[in-house]
Amino acid sequence: MTGGAGISVHVQPRASRTECVGIHGGALKIRVAAPPADGAANDELCRFLARQCDVPLSAIQILTGAGSRQKRVLVRGRSVEQVRKRFQLE
């Protein structure tokens, strides 16, 4: 098991459903079905990443950009390569 992967994420809140839609400016672009108010979009992003990367919710941490669309997220227990593979970005 690895320490963790720090990945760049571009979040689009208020989408019709939560999904990864590819790469945007070098970051993983994820649409989330939650508004940006009261941290709801961040919570939905963390739940989505935990499900997709098959890690517990506690393994996901927003490192920077909690109030921005551009975020840096730590996925504990996965390497960058493993995360990219989960989203079929290799």
PDB file of N, CA and C in Angstrom:
ATOM      1  N   MET A   1       0.843  -1.178   0.000  1.00  0.00           N
ATOM      2  CA  MET A   1       0.000   0.000   0.000  1.00  0.00           C
ATOM      3  C   MET A   1       0.887   1.239   0.000  1.00  0.00           C
ATOM      4  N   THR A   2       0.446   2.282  -0.684  1.00  0.00           N
ATOM      5  CA  THR A   2       1.222   3.505  -0.802  1.00  0.00           C
ATOM      6  C   THR A   2       0.742   4.544   0.191  1.00  0.00           C
ATOM      7  N   GLY A   3       1.528   5.625   0.334  1.00  0.00           N
ATOM      8  CA  GLY A   3       1.155   6.701   1.237  1.00  0.00           C
ATOM      9  C   GLY A   3      -0.062   7.456   0.756  1.00  0.00           C
ATOM     10  N   GLY A   4      -0.041   7.827  -0.512  1.00  0.00           N
ATOM     11  CA  GLY A   4      -1.193   8.533  -1.045  1.00  0.00           C
ATOM     12  C   GLY A   4      -0.860   9.300  -2.296  1.00  0.00           C
ATOM     13  N   ALA A   5      -1.887   9.621  -3.039  1.00  0.00           N
ATOM     14  CA  ALA A   5      -1.747  10.357  -4.284  1.00  0.00           C
ATOM     15  C   ALA A   5      -2.332  11.744  -4.115  1.00  0.00           C
ATOM     16  N   GLY A   6      -1.557  12.750  -4.452  1.00  0.00           N
ATOM     17  CA  GLY A   6      -2.064  14.112  -4.494  1.00  0.00           C
ATOM     18  C   GLY A   6      -2.476  14.404  -5.926  1.00  0.00           C
ATOM     19  N   ILE A   7      -3.754  14.668  -6.141  1.00  0.00           N
ATOM     20  CA  ILE A   7      -4.235  14.897  -7.504  1.00  0.00           C
ATOM     21  C   ILE A   7      -4.891  16.278  -7.600  1.00  0.00           C
ATOM     22  N   SER A   8      -4.784  16.873  -8.779  1.00  0.00           N
ATOM     23  CA  SER A   8      -5.452  18.140  -9.056  1.00  0.00           C
ATOM     24  C   SER A   8      -6.840  17.835  -9.597  1.00  0.00           C
ATOM     25  N   VAL A   9      -7.826  18.563  -9.095  1.00  0.00           N
ATOM     26  CA  VAL A   9      -9.213  18.334  -9.487  1.00  0.00           C
ATOM     27  C   VAL A   9      -9.862  19.671  -9.828  1.00  0.00           C
ATOM     28  N   HIS A  10     -10.607  19.697 -10.923  1.00  0.00           N
ATOM     29  CA  HIS A  10     -11.441  20.845 -11.286  1.00  0.00           C
ATOM     30  C   HIS A  10     -12.886  20.401 -11.071  1.00  0.00           C
ATOM     31  N   VAL A  11     -13.593  21.101 -10.199  1.00  0.00           N
ATOM     32  CA  VAL A  11     -14.955  20.702  -9.821  1.00  0.00           C
ATOM     33  C   VAL A  11     -15.981  21.627 -10.467  1.00  0.00           C
ATOM     34  N   GLN A  12     -17.016  21.022 -11.006  1.00  0.00           N
ATOM     35  CA  GLN A  12     -18.157  21.778 -11.547  1.00  0.00           C
ATOM     36  C   GLN A  12     -19.377  21.410 -10.714  1.00  0.00           C
ATOM     37  N   PRO A  13     -19.795  22.306  -9.807  1.00  0.00           N
ATOM     38  CA  PRO A  13     -20.962  22.004  -8.968  1.00  0.00           C
ATOM     39  C   PRO A  13     -22.279  22.145  -9.723  1.00  0.00           C
ATOM     40  N   ARG A  14     -23.335  21.696  -9.080  1.00  0.00           N
ATOM     41  CA  ARG A  14     -24.718  21.775  -9.594  1.00  0.00           C
ATOM     42  C   ARG A  14     -24.913  21.027 -10.912  1.00  0.00           C
ATOM     43  N   ALA A  15     -24.235  19.920 -11.084  1.00  0.00           N
ATOM     44  CA  ALA A  15     -24.437  19.100 -12.279  1.00  0.00           C
ATOM     45  C   ALA A  15     -25.655  18.211 -12.071  1.00  0.00           C
ATOM     46  N   SER A  16     -26.136  17.611 -13.151  1.00  0.00           N
ATOM     47  CA  SER A  16     -27.300  16.737 -13.021  1.00  0.00           C
ATOM     48  C   SER A  16     -26.935  15.430 -12.323  1.00  0.00           C
ATOM     49  N   ARG A  17     -25.654  15.021 -12.434  1.00  0.00           N
ATOM     50  CA  ARG A  17     -25.185  13.837 -11.711  1.00  0.00           C
ATOM     51  C   ARG A  17     -23.687  13.970 -11.458  1.00  0.00           C
ATOM     52  N   THR A  18     -23.187  13.215 -10.503  1.00  0.00           N
ATOM     53  CA  THR A  18     -21.772  13.258 -10.173  1.00  0.00           C
ATOM     54  C   THR A  18     -21.033  12.286 -11.073  1.00  0.00           C
ATOM     55  N   GLU A  19     -20.019  12.814 -11.779  1.00  0.00           N
ATOM     56  CA  GLU A  19     -19.264  11.977 -12.708  1.00  0.00           C
ATOM     57  C   GLU A  19     -17.941  12.638 -13.066  1.00  0.00           C
ATOM     58  N   CYS A  20     -16.991  11.826 -13.489  1.00  0.00           N
ATOM     59  CA  CYS A  20     -15.723  12.316 -14.015  1.00  0.00           C
ATOM     60  C   CYS A  20     -15.910  12.481 -15.518  1.00  0.00           C
ATOM     61  N   VAL A  21     -15.518  13.652 -16.039  1.00  0.00           N
ATOM     62  CA  VAL A  21     -15.729  13.915 -17.462  1.00  0.00           C
ATOM     63  C   VAL A  21     -14.416  14.118 -18.221  1.00  0.00           C
ATOM     64  N   GLY A  22     -13.284  13.779 -17.590  1.00  0.00           N
ATOM     65  CA  GLY A  22     -12.005  13.864 -18.297  1.00  0.00           C
ATOM     66  C   GLY A  22     -11.019  14.801 -17.639  1.00  0.00           C
ATOM     67  N   ILE A  23     -10.236  15.483 -18.479  1.00  0.00           N
ATOM     68  CA  ILE A  23      -9.172  16.365 -18.004  1.00  0.00           C
ATOM     69  C   ILE A  23      -9.505  17.802 -18.397  1.00  0.00           C
ATOM     70  N   HIS A  24      -9.255  18.734 -17.485  1.00  0.00           N
ATOM     71  CA  HIS A  24      -9.464  20.163 -17.747  1.00  0.00           C
ATOM     72  C   HIS A  24      -8.238  20.904 -17.232  1.00  0.00           C
ATOM     73  N   GLY A  25      -7.430  21.422 -18.140  1.00  0.00           N
ATOM     74  CA  GLY A  25      -6.244  22.170 -17.734  1.00  0.00           C
ATOM     75  C   GLY A  25      -5.270  21.360 -16.904  1.00  0.00           C
ATOM     76  N   GLY A  26      -5.133  20.091 -17.211  1.00  0.00           N
ATOM     77  CA  GLY A  26      -4.218  19.230 -16.467  1.00  0.00           C
ATOM     78  C   GLY A  26      -4.799  18.631 -15.195  1.00  0.00           C
ATOM     79  N   ALA A  27      -6.036  18.979 -14.870  1.00  0.00           N
ATOM     80  CA  ALA A  27      -6.687  18.463 -13.656  1.00  0.00           C
ATOM     81  C   ALA A  27      -7.820  17.520 -14.036  1.00  0.00           C
ATOM     82  N   LEU A  28      -8.119  16.612 -13.147  1.00  0.00           N
ATOM     83  CA  LEU A  28      -9.256  15.717 -13.312  1.00  0.00           C
ATOM     84  C   LEU A  28     -10.523  16.554 -13.185  1.00  0.00           C
ATOM     85  N   LYS A  29     -11.390  16.553 -14.192  1.00  0.00           N
ATOM     86  CA  LYS A  29     -12.625  17.345 -14.135  1.00  0.00           C
ATOM     87  C   LYS A  29     -13.761  16.453 -13.654  1.00  0.00           C
ATOM     88  N   ILE A  30     -14.373  16.892 -12.553  1.00  0.00           N
ATOM     89  CA  ILE A  30     -15.467  16.129 -11.960  1.00  0.00           C
ATOM     90  C   ILE A  30     -16.663  17.047 -11.771  1.00  0.00           C
ATOM     91  N   ARG A  31     -17.781  16.618 -12.328  1.00  0.00           N
ATOM     92  CA  ARG A  31     -19.047  17.314 -12.113  1.00  0.00           C
ATOM     93  C   ARG A  31     -19.697  16.704 -10.880  1.00  0.00           C
ATOM     94  N   VAL A  32     -20.194  17.557  -9.996  1.00  0.00           N
ATOM     95  CA  VAL A  32     -20.840  17.041  -8.787  1.00  0.00           C
ATOM     96  C   VAL A  32     -22.284  17.532  -8.716  1.00  0.00           C
ATOM     97  N   ALA A  33     -23.153  16.643  -8.292  1.00  0.00           N
ATOM     98  CA  ALA A  33     -24.585  16.942  -8.185  1.00  0.00           C
ATOM     99  C   ALA A  33     -24.885  17.520  -6.813  1.00  0.00           C
ATOM    100  N   ALA A  34     -24.224  18.641  -6.515  1.00  0.00           N
ATOM    101  CA  ALA A  34     -24.441  19.322  -5.244  1.00  0.00           C
ATOM    102  C   ALA A  34     -24.075  20.791  -5.439  1.00  0.00           C
ATOM    103  N   PRO A  35     -24.727  21.683  -4.696  1.00  0.00           N
ATOM    104  CA  PRO A  35     -24.383  23.101  -4.795  1.00  0.00           C
ATOM    105  C   PRO A  35     -23.088  23.394  -4.038  1.00  0.00           C
ATOM    106  N   PRO A  36     -22.429  24.507  -4.367  1.00  0.00           N
ATOM    107  CA  PRO A  36     -21.180  24.828  -3.676  1.00  0.00           C
ATOM    108  C   PRO A  36     -21.385  25.381  -2.266  1.00  0.00           C
ATOM    109  N   ALA A  37     -22.613  25.573  -1.836  1.00  0.00           N
ATOM    110  CA  ALA A  37     -22.900  26.157  -0.522  1.00  0.00           C
ATOM    111  C   ALA A  37     -22.679  25.160   0.613  1.00  0.00           C
ATOM    112  N   ASP A  38     -22.203  25.670   1.731  1.00  0.00           N
ATOM    113  CA  ASP A  38     -22.041  24.906   2.978  1.00  0.00           C
ATOM    114  C   ASP A  38     -21.194  23.651   2.816  1.00  0.00           C
ATOM    115  N   GLY A  39     -20.279  23.643   1.858  1.00  0.00           N
ATOM    116  CA  GLY A  39     -19.388  22.498   1.689  1.00  0.00           C
ATOM    117  C   GLY A  39     -20.020  21.274   1.059  1.00  0.00           C
ATOM    118  N   ALA A  40     -21.250  21.407   0.550  1.00  0.00           N
ATOM    119  CA  ALA A  40     -21.957  20.251  -0.010  1.00  0.00           C
ATOM    120  C   ALA A  40     -21.223  19.685  -1.225  1.00  0.00           C
ATOM    121  N   ALA A  41     -20.693  20.553  -2.084  1.00  0.00           N
ATOM    122  CA  ALA A  41     -19.967  20.071  -3.270  1.00  0.00           C
ATOM    123  C   ALA A  41     -18.679  19.359  -2.860  1.00  0.00           C
ATOM    124  N   ASN A  42     -17.985  19.880  -1.857  1.00  0.00           N
ATOM    125  CA  ASN A  42     -16.774  19.223  -1.371  1.00  0.00           C
ATOM    126  C   ASN A  42     -17.088  17.854  -0.781  1.00  0.00           C
ATOM    127  N   ASP A  43     -18.167  17.778  -0.022  1.00  0.00           N
ATOM    128  CA  ASP A  43     -18.572  16.498   0.576  1.00  0.00           C
ATOM    129  C   ASP A  43     -18.903  15.477  -0.508  1.00  0.00           C
ATOM    130  N   GLU A  44     -19.642  15.912  -1.526  1.00  0.00           N
ATOM    131  CA  GLU A  44     -20.007  15.014  -2.624  1.00  0.00           C
ATOM    132  C   GLU A  44     -18.765  14.580  -3.396  1.00  0.00           C
ATOM    133  N   LEU A  45     -17.836  15.512  -3.616  1.00  0.00           N
ATOM    134  CA  LEU A  45     -16.578  15.185  -4.292  1.00  0.00           C
ATOM    135  C   LEU A  45     -15.823  14.107  -3.513  1.00  0.00           C
ATOM    136  N   CYS A  46     -15.705  14.268  -2.216  1.00  0.00           N
ATOM    137  CA  CYS A  46     -14.975  13.295  -1.390  1.00  0.00           C
ATOM    138  C   CYS A  46     -15.654  11.925  -1.424  1.00  0.00           C
ATOM    139  N   ARG A  47     -16.978  11.903  -1.329  1.00  0.00           N
ATOM    140  CA  ARG A  47     -17.703  10.619  -1.401  1.00  0.00           C
ATOM    141  C   ARG A  47     -17.471   9.945  -2.752  1.00  0.00           C
ATOM    142  N   PHE A  48     -17.545  10.723  -3.832  1.00  0.00           N
ATOM    143  CA  PHE A  48     -17.347  10.186  -5.183  1.00  0.00           C
ATOM    144  C   PHE A  48     -15.935   9.619  -5.335  1.00  0.00           C
ATOM    145  N   LEU A  49     -14.921  10.373  -4.920  1.00  0.00           N
ATOM    146  CA  LEU A  49     -13.534   9.899  -5.043  1.00  0.00           C
ATOM    147  C   LEU A  49     -13.309   8.643  -4.202  1.00  0.00           C
ATOM    148  N   ALA A  50     -13.889   8.596  -3.015  1.00  0.00           N
ATOM    149  CA  ALA A  50     -13.741   7.410  -2.161  1.00  0.00           C
ATOM    150  C   ALA A  50     -14.342   6.181  -2.842  1.00  0.00           C
ATOM    151  N   ARG A  51     -15.535   6.338  -3.425  1.00  0.00           N
ATOM    152  CA  ARG A  51     -16.174   5.215  -4.132  1.00  0.00           C
ATOM    153  C   ARG A  51     -15.342   4.782  -5.332  1.00  0.00           C
ATOM    154  N   GLN A  52     -14.935   5.734  -6.147  1.00  0.00           N
ATOM    155  CA  GLN A  52     -14.218   5.415  -7.379  1.00  0.00           C
ATOM    156  C   GLN A  52     -12.840   4.807  -7.118  1.00  0.00           C
ATOM    157  N   CYS A  53     -12.182   5.265  -6.064  1.00  0.00           N
ATOM    158  CA  CYS A  53     -10.833   4.784  -5.750  1.00  0.00           C
ATOM    159  C   CYS A  53     -10.851   3.604  -4.787  1.00  0.00           C
ATOM    160  N   ASP A  54     -12.048   3.191  -4.357  1.00  0.00           N
ATOM    161  CA  ASP A  54     -12.220   2.051  -3.459  1.00  0.00           C
ATOM    162  C   ASP A  54     -11.409   2.217  -2.171  1.00  0.00           C
ATOM    163  N   VAL A  55     -11.594   3.379  -1.551  1.00  0.00           N
ATOM    164  CA  VAL A  55     -10.955   3.676  -0.267  1.00  0.00           C
ATOM    165  C   VAL A  55     -12.035   4.215   0.669  1.00  0.00           C
ATOM    166  N   PRO A  56     -11.804   4.166   1.978  1.00  0.00           N
ATOM    167  CA  PRO A  56     -12.793   4.747   2.896  1.00  0.00           C
ATOM    168  C   PRO A  56     -12.842   6.269   2.745  1.00  0.00           C
ATOM    169  N   LEU A  57     -13.955   6.861   3.087  1.00  0.00           N
ATOM    170  CA  LEU A  57     -14.115   8.303   3.002  1.00  0.00           C
ATOM    171  C   LEU A  57     -13.016   9.038   3.776  1.00  0.00           C
ATOM    172  N   SER A  58     -12.582   8.452   4.871  1.00  0.00           N
ATOM    173  CA  SER A  58     -11.538   9.078   5.693  1.00  0.00           C
ATOM    174  C   SER A  58     -10.185   9.144   4.976  1.00  0.00           C
ATOM    175  N   ALA A  59     -10.032   8.424   3.861  1.00  0.00           N
ATOM    176  CA  ALA A  59      -8.774   8.432   3.106  1.00  0.00           C
ATOM    177  C   ALA A  59      -8.710   9.590   2.111  1.00  0.00           C
ATOM    178  N   ILE A  60      -9.789  10.354   1.998  1.00  0.00           N
ATOM    179  CA  ILE A  60      -9.845  11.486   1.072  1.00  0.00           C
ATOM    180  C   ILE A  60      -9.725  12.774   1.867  1.00  0.00           C
ATOM    181  N   GLN A  61      -8.815  13.654   1.432  1.00  0.00           N
ATOM    182  CA  GLN A  61      -8.621  14.925   2.122  1.00  0.00           C
ATOM    183  C   GLN A  61      -8.382  16.027   1.095  1.00  0.00           C
ATOM    184  N   ILE A  62      -9.135  17.108   1.197  1.00  0.00           N
ATOM    185  CA  ILE A  62      -8.900  18.264   0.336  1.00  0.00           C
ATOM    186  C   ILE A  62      -7.747  19.048   0.951  1.00  0.00           C
ATOM    187  N   LEU A  63      -6.641  19.108   0.212  1.00  0.00           N
ATOM    188  CA  LEU A  63      -5.442  19.781   0.717  1.00  0.00           C
ATOM    189  C   LEU A  63      -5.510  21.284   0.509  1.00  0.00           C
ATOM    190  N   THR A  64      -5.903  21.705  -0.696  1.00  0.00           N
ATOM    191  CA  THR A  64      -6.011  23.130  -1.010  1.00  0.00           C
ATOM    192  C   THR A  64      -7.228  23.358  -1.894  1.00  0.00           C
ATOM    193  N   GLY A  65      -7.762  24.573  -1.843  1.00  0.00           N
ATOM    194  CA  GLY A  65      -8.851  24.951  -2.732  1.00  0.00           C
ATOM    195  C   GLY A  65     -10.236  24.585  -2.257  1.00  0.00           C
ATOM    196  N   ALA A  66     -10.433  24.451  -0.957  1.00  0.00           N
ATOM    197  CA  ALA A  66     -11.754  24.052  -0.450  1.00  0.00           C
ATOM    198  C   ALA A  66     -12.851  25.016  -0.888  1.00  0.00           C
ATOM    199  N   GLY A  67     -12.516  26.290  -1.091  1.00  0.00           N
ATOM    200  CA  GLY A  67     -13.506  27.267  -1.514  1.00  0.00           C
ATOM    201  C   GLY A  67     -13.434  27.612  -2.988  1.00  0.00           C
ATOM    202  N   SER A  68     -12.724  26.800  -3.753  1.00  0.00           N
ATOM    203  CA  SER A  68     -12.483  27.072  -5.165  1.00  0.00           C
ATOM    204  C   SER A  68     -12.875  25.876  -6.021  1.00  0.00           C
ATOM    205  N   ARG A  69     -12.999  26.101  -7.312  1.00  0.00           N
ATOM    206  CA  ARG A  69     -13.248  24.977  -8.222  1.00  0.00           C
ATOM    207  C   ARG A  69     -11.971  24.166  -8.431  1.00  0.00           C
ATOM    208  N   GLN A  70     -10.817  24.822  -8.306  1.00  0.00           N
ATOM    209  CA  GLN A  70      -9.521  24.145  -8.461  1.00  0.00           C
ATOM    210  C   GLN A  70      -9.085  23.633  -7.092  1.00  0.00           C
ATOM    211  N   LYS A  71      -8.898  22.331  -6.987  1.00  0.00           N
ATOM    212  CA  LYS A  71      -8.540  21.723  -5.701  1.00  0.00           C
ATOM    213  C   LYS A  71      -7.351  20.789  -5.847  1.00  0.00           C
ATOM    214  N   ARG A  72      -6.681  20.565  -4.756  1.00  0.00           N
ATOM    215  CA  ARG A  72      -5.648  19.542  -4.662  1.00  0.00           C
ATOM    216  C   ARG A  72      -6.164  18.571  -3.613  1.00  0.00           C
ATOM    217  N   VAL A  73      -6.319  17.303  -4.006  1.00  0.00           N
ATOM    218  CA  VAL A  73      -6.942  16.305  -3.135  1.00  0.00           C
ATOM    219  C   VAL A  73      -5.964  15.161  -2.897  1.00  0.00           C
ATOM    220  N   LEU A  74      -5.876  14.736  -1.650  1.00  0.00           N
ATOM    221  CA  LEU A  74      -5.047  13.593  -1.282  1.00  0.00           C
ATOM    222  C   LEU A  74      -5.922  12.349  -1.209  1.00  0.00           C
ATOM    223  N   VAL A  75      -5.479  11.299  -1.891  1.00  0.00           N
ATOM    224  CA  VAL A  75      -6.155   9.998  -1.830  1.00  0.00           C
ATOM    225  C   VAL A  75      -5.180   9.045  -1.150  1.00  0.00           C
ATOM    226  N   ARG A  76      -5.379   8.824   0.140  1.00  0.00           N
ATOM    227  CA  ARG A  76      -4.485   7.935   0.893  1.00  0.00           C
ATOM    228  C   ARG A  76      -4.693   6.482   0.469  1.00  0.00           C
ATOM    229  N   GLY A  77      -3.594   5.752   0.352  1.00  0.00           N
ATOM    230  CA  GLY A  77      -3.698   4.342   0.024  1.00  0.00           C
ATOM    231  C   GLY A  77      -3.679   4.046  -1.459  1.00  0.00           C
ATOM    232  N   ARG A  78      -3.541   5.076  -2.283  1.00  0.00           N
ATOM    233  CA  ARG A  78      -3.483   4.899  -3.735  1.00  0.00           C
ATOM    234  C   ARG A  78      -2.353   5.758  -4.296  1.00  0.00           C
ATOM    235  N   SER A  79      -1.698   5.249  -5.321  1.00  0.00           N
ATOM    236  CA  SER A  79      -0.678   6.029  -6.020  1.00  0.00           C
ATOM    237  C   SER A  79      -1.359   6.857  -7.101  1.00  0.00           C
ATOM    238  N   VAL A  80      -0.646   7.829  -7.643  1.00  0.00           N
ATOM    239  CA  VAL A  80      -1.191   8.641  -8.738  1.00  0.00           C
ATOM    240  C   VAL A  80      -1.561   7.731  -9.903  1.00  0.00           C
ATOM    241  N   GLU A  81      -0.709   6.754 -10.193  1.00  0.00           N
ATOM    242  CA  GLU A  81      -0.975   5.829 -11.301  1.00  0.00           C
ATOM    243  C   GLU A  81      -2.260   5.030 -11.057  1.00  0.00           C
ATOM    244  N   GLN A  82      -2.475   4.589  -9.823  1.00  0.00           N
ATOM    245  CA  GLN A  82      -3.682   3.829  -9.504  1.00  0.00           C
ATOM    246  C   GLN A  82      -4.932   4.692  -9.662  1.00  0.00           C
ATOM    247  N   VAL A  83      -4.842   5.951  -9.247  1.00  0.00           N
ATOM    248  CA  VAL A  83      -5.986   6.852  -9.385  1.00  0.00           C
ATOM    249  C   VAL A  83      -6.261   7.100 -10.863  1.00  0.00           C
ATOM    250  N   ARG A  84      -5.221   7.372 -11.626  1.00  0.00           N
ATOM    251  CA  ARG A  84      -5.400   7.612 -13.061  1.00  0.00           C
ATOM    252  C   ARG A  84      -6.026   6.393 -13.740  1.00  0.00           C
ATOM    253  N   LYS A  85      -5.600   5.213 -13.322  1.00  0.00           N
ATOM    254  CA  LYS A  85      -6.143   3.985 -13.906  1.00  0.00           C
ATOM    255  C   LYS A  85      -7.623   3.824 -13.571  1.00  0.00           C
ATOM    256  N   ARG A  86      -8.002   4.186 -12.342  1.00  0.00           N
ATOM    257  CA  ARG A  86      -9.411   4.103 -11.927  1.00  0.00           C
ATOM    258  C   ARG A  86     -10.307   4.965 -12.815  1.00  0.00           C
ATOM    259  N   PHE A  87      -9.746   6.100 -13.252  1.00  0.00           N
ATOM    260  CA  PHE A  87     -10.511   7.006 -14.110  1.00  0.00           C
ATOM    261  C   PHE A  87     -10.155   6.832 -15.578  1.00  0.00           C
ATOM    262  N   GLN A  88      -9.442   5.775 -15.884  1.00  0.00           N
ATOM    263  CA  GLN A  88      -9.059   5.415 -17.251  1.00  0.00           C
ATOM    264  C   GLN A  88      -8.371   6.570 -17.975  1.00  0.00           C
ATOM    265  N   LEU A  89      -7.362   7.145 -17.301  1.00  0.00           N
ATOM    266  CA  LEU A  89      -6.651   8.287 -17.863  1.00  0.00           C
ATOM    267  C   LEU A  89      -5.256   7.933 -18.342  1.00  0.00           C
ATOM    268  N   GLU A  90      -4.952   6.654 -18.459  1.00  0.00           N
ATOM    269  CA  GLU A  90      -3.626   6.238 -18.929  1.00  0.00           C
ATOM    270  C   GLU A  90      -3.674   5.844 -20.366  1.00  0.00           C
TER     271      GLU A  90
END
